[in-house]
C-alpha cells in the first residue's frame, strides 16, 4: 500500500474520531438538556452515543476496506463491526471505561443498529462504486 493511501486512511479516521467526539459532546451539552422534559425523545438521546459510537468506529473498518480494496474487505467490515458491537455490549453489561453507569437494553440495541448501518454503508458504497464508470 502506498504512503498516500495510508495517509488518507489515517486522516479520514482522525476526522471520523473528531466527528464522534463532537456529536457525543453536542448531544451531552446541548440536546439532552434541551429535551430533558420530552418523554419520548429522552431515551433516544440517551442511546444516541452508543449508536453513533458503533456507527463511526465501524466506519474506521469501512474506510480501510474501501481505500485498500483488500480481497476480503466484506469480511473485514463485518468482523470489525461485530467486534465494535461486542465491545460496546460488554461495556454496557460490565462498565469498564466509565461511559456507562447502568445497564440499558436500548443502548445495546442502538449499538447493534449503528454497527449494522456501517455494514449497510459499506455495501452501498461498493454498489455505487461498481455503477460509476472509471475515468
N, C-alpha and C. Protein backbone atom coordinates (compact mmCIF):
# COMPACT_ATOMS: atom_id res chain seq x y z
N UNK A 1 0.85 -1.17 0.00
CA UNK A 1 0.00 0.00 0.00
C UNK A 1 0.90 1.24 0.00
N UNK A 2 0.52 2.20 -0.80
CA UNK A 2 1.32 3.42 -0.92
C UNK A 2 1.16 4.29 0.33
N UNK A 3 2.14 5.14 0.53
CA UNK A 3 2.09 6.06 1.67
C UNK A 3 0.90 7.01 1.56
N UNK A 4 0.54 7.36 0.34
CA UNK A 4 -0.59 8.27 0.14
C UNK A 4 -1.90 7.64 0.60
N UNK A 5 -2.11 6.36 0.27
CA UNK A 5 -3.31 5.67 0.71
C UNK A 5 -3.32 5.52 2.23
N UNK A 6 -2.17 5.20 2.79
CA UNK A 6 -2.07 5.04 4.24
C UNK A 6 -2.38 6.36 4.94
N UNK A 7 -1.85 7.46 4.43
CA UNK A 7 -2.12 8.77 5.00
C UNK A 7 -3.60 9.12 4.88
N UNK A 8 -4.20 8.78 3.75
CA UNK A 8 -5.63 9.05 3.55
C UNK A 8 -6.48 8.30 4.58
N UNK A 9 -6.15 7.05 4.84
CA UNK A 9 -6.88 6.25 5.83
C UNK A 9 -6.73 6.88 7.21
N UNK A 10 -5.51 7.24 7.57
CA UNK A 10 -5.25 7.81 8.89
C UNK A 10 -5.98 9.14 9.07
N UNK A 11 -5.88 10.03 8.08
CA UNK A 11 -6.55 11.33 8.19
C UNK A 11 -8.07 11.18 8.25
N UNK A 12 -8.62 10.30 7.43
CA UNK A 12 -10.07 10.10 7.45
C UNK A 12 -10.51 9.55 8.80
N UNK A 13 -9.74 8.63 9.37
CA UNK A 13 -10.10 8.08 10.67
C UNK A 13 -9.99 9.14 11.77
N UNK A 14 -9.01 10.04 11.68
CA UNK A 14 -8.92 11.14 12.63
C UNK A 14 -10.15 12.05 12.51
N UNK A 15 -10.56 12.33 11.28
CA UNK A 15 -11.76 13.14 11.08
C UNK A 15 -13.00 12.45 11.64
N UNK A 16 -13.10 11.15 11.43
CA UNK A 16 -14.22 10.40 11.98
C UNK A 16 -14.21 10.44 13.50
N UNK A 17 -13.02 10.30 14.10
CA UNK A 17 -12.92 10.36 15.55
C UNK A 17 -13.34 11.74 16.06
N UNK A 18 -12.92 12.79 15.38
CA UNK A 18 -13.33 14.14 15.75
C UNK A 18 -14.84 14.32 15.64
N UNK A 19 -15.42 13.76 14.59
CA UNK A 19 -16.87 13.82 14.41
C UNK A 19 -17.57 13.08 15.55
N UNK A 20 -17.06 11.92 15.91
CA UNK A 20 -17.63 11.16 17.02
C UNK A 20 -17.59 11.97 18.31
N UNK A 21 -16.45 12.52 18.62
CA UNK A 21 -16.30 13.32 19.83
C UNK A 21 -17.25 14.52 19.81
N UNK A 22 -17.31 15.20 18.68
CA UNK A 22 -18.17 16.38 18.56
C UNK A 22 -19.64 16.05 18.71
N UNK A 23 -20.09 14.97 18.07
CA UNK A 23 -21.51 14.59 18.16
C UNK A 23 -21.90 14.14 19.56
N UNK A 24 -21.04 13.37 20.20
CA UNK A 24 -21.34 12.92 21.56
C UNK A 24 -21.35 14.13 22.51
N UNK A 25 -20.42 15.03 22.35
CA UNK A 25 -20.38 16.24 23.19
C UNK A 25 -21.59 17.12 22.93
N UNK A 26 -21.96 17.30 21.67
CA UNK A 26 -23.15 18.11 21.32
C UNK A 26 -24.40 17.50 21.93
N UNK A 27 -24.50 16.19 21.88
CA UNK A 27 -25.65 15.50 22.47
C UNK A 27 -25.70 15.74 23.98
N UNK A 28 -24.55 15.60 24.62
CA UNK A 28 -24.47 15.73 26.08
C UNK A 28 -24.71 17.17 26.56
N UNK A 29 -24.10 18.12 25.87
CA UNK A 29 -24.13 19.51 26.33
C UNK A 29 -25.33 20.31 25.83
N UNK A 30 -25.88 19.96 24.66
CA UNK A 30 -26.94 20.78 24.07
C UNK A 30 -28.27 20.03 23.98
N UNK A 31 -28.25 18.90 23.29
CA UNK A 31 -29.52 18.22 23.02
C UNK A 31 -30.19 17.65 24.26
N UNK A 32 -29.45 16.90 25.06
CA UNK A 32 -30.06 16.28 26.25
C UNK A 32 -30.63 17.31 27.22
N UNK A 33 -29.89 18.39 27.53
CA UNK A 33 -30.50 19.40 28.42
C UNK A 33 -31.71 20.09 27.79
N UNK A 34 -31.69 20.28 26.48
CA UNK A 34 -32.80 20.98 25.81
C UNK A 34 -34.07 20.14 25.79
N UNK A 35 -33.92 18.84 25.66
CA UNK A 35 -35.09 17.95 25.55
C UNK A 35 -35.26 17.08 26.79
N UNK A 36 -34.79 17.56 27.93
CA UNK A 36 -34.84 16.79 29.16
C UNK A 36 -36.26 16.43 29.58
N UNK A 37 -37.24 17.27 29.24
CA UNK A 37 -38.62 17.03 29.66
C UNK A 37 -39.45 16.28 28.63
N UNK A 38 -38.89 15.95 27.48
CA UNK A 38 -39.63 15.24 26.43
C UNK A 38 -39.53 13.74 26.68
N UNK A 39 -40.62 13.09 27.09
CA UNK A 39 -40.54 11.68 27.49
C UNK A 39 -40.18 10.72 26.37
N UNK A 40 -40.49 11.04 25.13
CA UNK A 40 -40.19 10.13 24.03
C UNK A 40 -38.82 10.37 23.41
N UNK A 41 -38.31 11.56 23.57
CA UNK A 41 -37.02 11.90 22.98
C UNK A 41 -35.86 11.56 23.93
N UNK A 42 -36.10 11.60 25.22
CA UNK A 42 -35.06 11.34 26.21
C UNK A 42 -34.39 9.98 26.02
N UNK A 43 -35.14 8.88 25.83
CA UNK A 43 -34.46 7.59 25.62
C UNK A 43 -33.64 7.55 24.33
N UNK A 44 -34.12 8.22 23.31
CA UNK A 44 -33.39 8.26 22.04
C UNK A 44 -32.07 9.01 22.22
N UNK A 45 -32.11 10.16 22.86
CA UNK A 45 -30.90 10.93 23.09
C UNK A 45 -29.97 10.23 24.08
N UNK A 46 -30.54 9.44 24.99
CA UNK A 46 -29.71 8.68 25.92
C UNK A 46 -28.94 7.57 25.23
N UNK A 47 -29.52 6.98 24.19
CA UNK A 47 -28.88 5.89 23.46
C UNK A 47 -28.07 6.38 22.26
N UNK A 48 -28.20 7.65 21.91
CA UNK A 48 -27.50 8.19 20.75
C UNK A 48 -25.99 8.00 20.80
N UNK A 49 -25.32 8.21 21.96
CA UNK A 49 -23.86 7.99 21.97
C UNK A 49 -23.47 6.56 21.61
N UNK A 50 -24.25 5.58 22.04
CA UNK A 50 -23.94 4.19 21.69
C UNK A 50 -24.13 3.96 20.19
N UNK A 51 -25.20 4.52 19.65
CA UNK A 51 -25.46 4.37 18.21
C UNK A 51 -24.34 5.01 17.40
N UNK A 52 -24.02 6.25 17.71
CA UNK A 52 -23.04 6.97 16.91
C UNK A 52 -21.64 6.40 17.11
N UNK A 53 -21.34 5.90 18.31
CA UNK A 53 -20.03 5.27 18.54
C UNK A 53 -19.91 3.99 17.71
N UNK A 54 -20.95 3.16 17.73
CA UNK A 54 -20.90 1.92 16.95
C UNK A 54 -20.79 2.23 15.46
N UNK A 55 -21.54 3.21 14.99
CA UNK A 55 -21.53 3.55 13.57
C UNK A 55 -20.17 4.11 13.14
N UNK A 56 -19.70 5.10 13.84
CA UNK A 56 -18.47 5.78 13.40
C UNK A 56 -17.24 4.90 13.61
N UNK A 57 -17.16 4.18 14.72
CA UNK A 57 -16.00 3.32 14.93
C UNK A 57 -16.00 2.19 13.90
N UNK A 58 -17.18 1.68 13.55
CA UNK A 58 -17.26 0.66 12.49
C UNK A 58 -16.88 1.25 11.14
N UNK A 59 -17.13 2.54 10.95
CA UNK A 59 -16.72 3.19 9.70
C UNK A 59 -15.20 3.23 9.54
N UNK A 60 -14.45 3.11 10.65
CA UNK A 60 -12.99 3.01 10.53
C UNK A 60 -12.64 1.80 9.65
N UNK A 61 -13.33 0.68 9.88
CA UNK A 61 -13.08 -0.52 9.09
C UNK A 61 -13.58 -0.34 7.65
N UNK A 62 -14.70 0.33 7.50
CA UNK A 62 -15.23 0.60 6.15
C UNK A 62 -14.24 1.45 5.38
N UNK A 63 -13.72 2.48 6.01
CA UNK A 63 -12.74 3.36 5.38
C UNK A 63 -11.53 2.57 4.89
N UNK A 64 -11.01 1.73 5.74
CA UNK A 64 -9.85 0.93 5.36
C UNK A 64 -10.16 -0.04 4.23
N UNK A 65 -11.32 -0.69 4.31
CA UNK A 65 -11.70 -1.67 3.29
C UNK A 65 -11.92 -1.00 1.93
N UNK A 66 -12.52 0.17 1.92
CA UNK A 66 -12.78 0.84 0.64
C UNK A 66 -11.50 1.45 0.06
N UNK A 67 -10.62 1.92 0.90
CA UNK A 67 -9.39 2.53 0.42
C UNK A 67 -8.39 1.48 -0.06
N UNK A 68 -8.24 0.42 0.72
CA UNK A 68 -7.25 -0.60 0.38
C UNK A 68 -7.79 -1.61 -0.63
N UNK A 69 -9.10 -1.77 -0.68
CA UNK A 69 -9.75 -2.75 -1.54
C UNK A 69 -9.14 -4.15 -1.36
N UNK A 70 -9.05 -4.64 -0.11
CA UNK A 70 -8.49 -5.97 0.08
C UNK A 70 -9.43 -7.04 -0.46
N UNK A 71 -8.87 -8.21 -0.64
CA UNK A 71 -9.62 -9.32 -1.20
C UNK A 71 -10.82 -9.68 -0.32
N UNK A 72 -10.66 -9.61 0.96
CA UNK A 72 -11.72 -9.99 1.90
C UNK A 72 -12.29 -8.76 2.62
N UNK A 73 -12.55 -7.70 1.88
CA UNK A 73 -13.00 -6.47 2.52
C UNK A 73 -14.36 -6.61 3.20
N UNK A 74 -15.25 -7.37 2.61
CA UNK A 74 -16.57 -7.57 3.22
C UNK A 74 -16.42 -8.27 4.58
N UNK A 75 -15.53 -9.25 4.65
CA UNK A 75 -15.27 -9.94 5.90
C UNK A 75 -14.65 -8.99 6.92
N UNK A 76 -13.73 -8.13 6.47
CA UNK A 76 -13.10 -7.15 7.34
C UNK A 76 -14.15 -6.22 7.95
N UNK A 77 -15.04 -5.71 7.13
CA UNK A 77 -16.06 -4.77 7.61
C UNK A 77 -17.03 -5.48 8.56
N UNK A 78 -17.48 -6.65 8.20
CA UNK A 78 -18.43 -7.39 9.05
C UNK A 78 -17.79 -7.77 10.37
N UNK A 79 -16.57 -8.29 10.33
CA UNK A 79 -15.87 -8.67 11.56
C UNK A 79 -15.58 -7.46 12.44
N UNK A 80 -15.15 -6.38 11.82
CA UNK A 80 -14.88 -5.16 12.58
C UNK A 80 -16.12 -4.61 13.24
N UNK A 81 -17.22 -4.59 12.52
CA UNK A 81 -18.49 -4.10 13.08
C UNK A 81 -18.98 -5.00 14.21
N UNK A 82 -18.81 -6.30 14.03
CA UNK A 82 -19.19 -7.24 15.08
C UNK A 82 -18.33 -7.05 16.32
N UNK A 83 -17.04 -6.82 16.11
CA UNK A 83 -16.14 -6.56 17.23
C UNK A 83 -16.54 -5.29 17.99
N UNK A 84 -16.85 -4.24 17.25
CA UNK A 84 -17.28 -2.98 17.87
C UNK A 84 -18.55 -3.21 18.68
N UNK A 85 -19.51 -3.93 18.10
CA UNK A 85 -20.76 -4.22 18.80
C UNK A 85 -20.49 -5.03 20.07
N UNK A 86 -19.61 -6.02 19.97
CA UNK A 86 -19.30 -6.87 21.13
C UNK A 86 -18.65 -6.06 22.25
N UNK A 87 -17.72 -5.18 21.90
CA UNK A 87 -17.04 -4.37 22.92
C UNK A 87 -18.03 -3.40 23.57
N UNK A 88 -18.88 -2.76 22.78
CA UNK A 88 -19.86 -1.83 23.34
C UNK A 88 -20.89 -2.55 24.20
N UNK A 89 -21.26 -3.76 23.79
CA UNK A 89 -22.20 -4.55 24.59
C UNK A 89 -21.55 -4.98 25.90
N UNK A 90 -20.31 -5.44 25.84
CA UNK A 90 -19.60 -5.83 27.06
C UNK A 90 -19.45 -4.64 28.00
N UNK A 91 -19.17 -3.48 27.44
CA UNK A 91 -19.03 -2.27 28.25
C UNK A 91 -20.37 -1.91 28.89
N UNK A 92 -21.44 -2.16 28.20
CA UNK A 92 -22.77 -1.87 28.74
C UNK A 92 -23.12 -2.84 29.88
N UNK A 93 -22.76 -4.10 29.71
CA UNK A 93 -23.08 -5.11 30.72
C UNK A 93 -22.17 -4.98 31.95
N UNK A 94 -20.91 -4.67 31.71
CA UNK A 94 -19.94 -4.51 32.82
C UNK A 94 -19.09 -3.28 32.50
N UNK A 95 -19.49 -2.12 33.01
CA UNK A 95 -18.78 -0.89 32.68
C UNK A 95 -17.29 -0.97 32.97
N UNK A 96 -16.50 -0.63 31.93
CA UNK A 96 -15.05 -0.70 32.04
C UNK A 96 -14.41 0.68 32.01
N UNK A 97 -14.97 1.57 31.21
CA UNK A 97 -14.33 2.88 30.98
C UNK A 97 -15.14 4.03 31.55
N UNK A 98 -16.17 3.75 32.30
CA UNK A 98 -16.95 4.80 32.92
C UNK A 98 -17.95 5.47 31.99
N UNK A 99 -18.08 4.98 30.77
CA UNK A 99 -19.04 5.58 29.84
C UNK A 99 -20.46 5.24 30.25
N UNK A 100 -20.65 4.08 30.83
CA UNK A 100 -21.97 3.63 31.23
C UNK A 100 -21.99 3.43 32.74
N UNK A 101 -23.09 3.82 33.36
CA UNK A 101 -23.20 3.63 34.80
C UNK A 101 -24.21 2.55 35.16
N UNK A 102 -25.11 2.22 34.24
CA UNK A 102 -26.08 1.16 34.49
C UNK A 102 -26.50 0.51 33.18
N UNK A 103 -27.00 -0.71 33.30
CA UNK A 103 -27.42 -1.49 32.14
C UNK A 103 -28.66 -0.86 31.50
N UNK A 104 -28.64 -0.77 30.18
CA UNK A 104 -29.79 -0.28 29.44
C UNK A 104 -29.89 -1.04 28.12
N UNK A 105 -30.97 -1.77 27.94
CA UNK A 105 -31.15 -2.55 26.73
C UNK A 105 -31.17 -1.66 25.48
N UNK A 106 -31.73 -0.46 25.60
CA UNK A 106 -31.78 0.45 24.44
C UNK A 106 -30.37 0.83 23.96
N UNK A 107 -29.42 0.90 24.87
CA UNK A 107 -28.04 1.20 24.47
C UNK A 107 -27.46 0.05 23.65
N UNK A 108 -27.74 -1.18 24.06
CA UNK A 108 -27.27 -2.33 23.30
C UNK A 108 -27.93 -2.37 21.93
N UNK A 109 -29.22 -2.10 21.89
CA UNK A 109 -29.95 -2.05 20.62
C UNK A 109 -29.39 -0.96 19.71
N UNK A 110 -29.11 0.20 20.27
CA UNK A 110 -28.54 1.30 19.49
C UNK A 110 -27.16 0.94 18.94
N UNK A 111 -26.37 0.24 19.73
CA UNK A 111 -25.05 -0.20 19.25
C UNK A 111 -25.20 -1.18 18.08
N UNK A 112 -26.16 -2.08 18.19
CA UNK A 112 -26.41 -3.04 17.10
C UNK A 112 -26.86 -2.35 15.83
N UNK A 113 -27.75 -1.39 15.97
CA UNK A 113 -28.23 -0.65 14.79
C UNK A 113 -27.09 0.15 14.16
N UNK A 114 -26.25 0.76 14.97
CA UNK A 114 -25.11 1.52 14.44
C UNK A 114 -24.13 0.63 13.69
N UNK A 115 -23.86 -0.55 14.24
CA UNK A 115 -22.95 -1.49 13.56
C UNK A 115 -23.55 -1.98 12.25
N UNK A 116 -24.82 -2.29 12.26
CA UNK A 116 -25.48 -2.74 11.03
C UNK A 116 -25.53 -1.63 9.98
N UNK A 117 -25.74 -0.41 10.42
CA UNK A 117 -25.76 0.72 9.49
C UNK A 117 -24.39 0.91 8.83
N UNK A 118 -23.32 0.67 9.57
CA UNK A 118 -21.97 0.77 8.99
C UNK A 118 -21.77 -0.29 7.90
N UNK A 119 -22.27 -1.51 8.15
CA UNK A 119 -22.18 -2.56 7.13
C UNK A 119 -23.01 -2.16 5.92
N UNK A 120 -24.19 -1.61 6.15
CA UNK A 120 -25.04 -1.16 5.04
C UNK A 120 -24.37 -0.03 4.27
N UNK A 121 -23.67 0.86 4.96
CA UNK A 121 -22.94 1.95 4.31
C UNK A 121 -21.86 1.38 3.39
N UNK A 122 -21.15 0.37 3.88
CA UNK A 122 -20.13 -0.28 3.06
C UNK A 122 -20.75 -0.90 1.81
N UNK A 123 -21.83 -1.64 1.98
CA UNK A 123 -22.49 -2.29 0.84
C UNK A 123 -22.97 -1.26 -0.17
N UNK A 124 -23.53 -0.16 0.32
CA UNK A 124 -23.98 0.91 -0.58
C UNK A 124 -22.80 1.53 -1.32
N UNK A 125 -21.70 1.73 -0.64
CA UNK A 125 -20.51 2.29 -1.29
C UNK A 125 -19.97 1.35 -2.36
N UNK A 126 -19.99 0.05 -2.08
CA UNK A 126 -19.50 -0.92 -3.06
C UNK A 126 -20.40 -0.94 -4.29
N UNK A 127 -21.71 -0.95 -4.07
CA UNK A 127 -22.65 -0.95 -5.20
C UNK A 127 -22.50 0.33 -6.01
N UNK A 128 -22.38 1.46 -5.35
CA UNK A 128 -22.23 2.74 -6.04
C UNK A 128 -20.92 2.77 -6.83
N UNK A 129 -19.86 2.25 -6.25
CA UNK A 129 -18.56 2.23 -6.91
C UNK A 129 -18.61 1.39 -8.19
N UNK A 130 -19.35 0.30 -8.16
CA UNK A 130 -19.47 -0.57 -9.34
C UNK A 130 -20.25 0.10 -10.46
N UNK A 131 -21.21 0.94 -10.09
CA UNK A 131 -22.06 1.59 -11.10
C UNK A 131 -21.38 2.77 -11.77
N UNK A 132 -20.47 3.41 -11.06
CA UNK A 132 -19.79 4.59 -11.59
C UNK A 132 -18.64 4.12 -12.47
N UNK A 133 -18.66 4.49 -13.75
CA UNK A 133 -17.57 4.07 -14.64
C UNK A 133 -16.28 4.80 -14.28
N UNK A 134 -15.17 4.08 -14.39
CA UNK A 134 -13.85 4.68 -14.11
C UNK A 134 -13.44 5.58 -15.25
N UNK A 135 -12.73 6.67 -14.91
CA UNK A 135 -12.26 7.58 -15.96
C UNK A 135 -10.90 7.20 -16.41
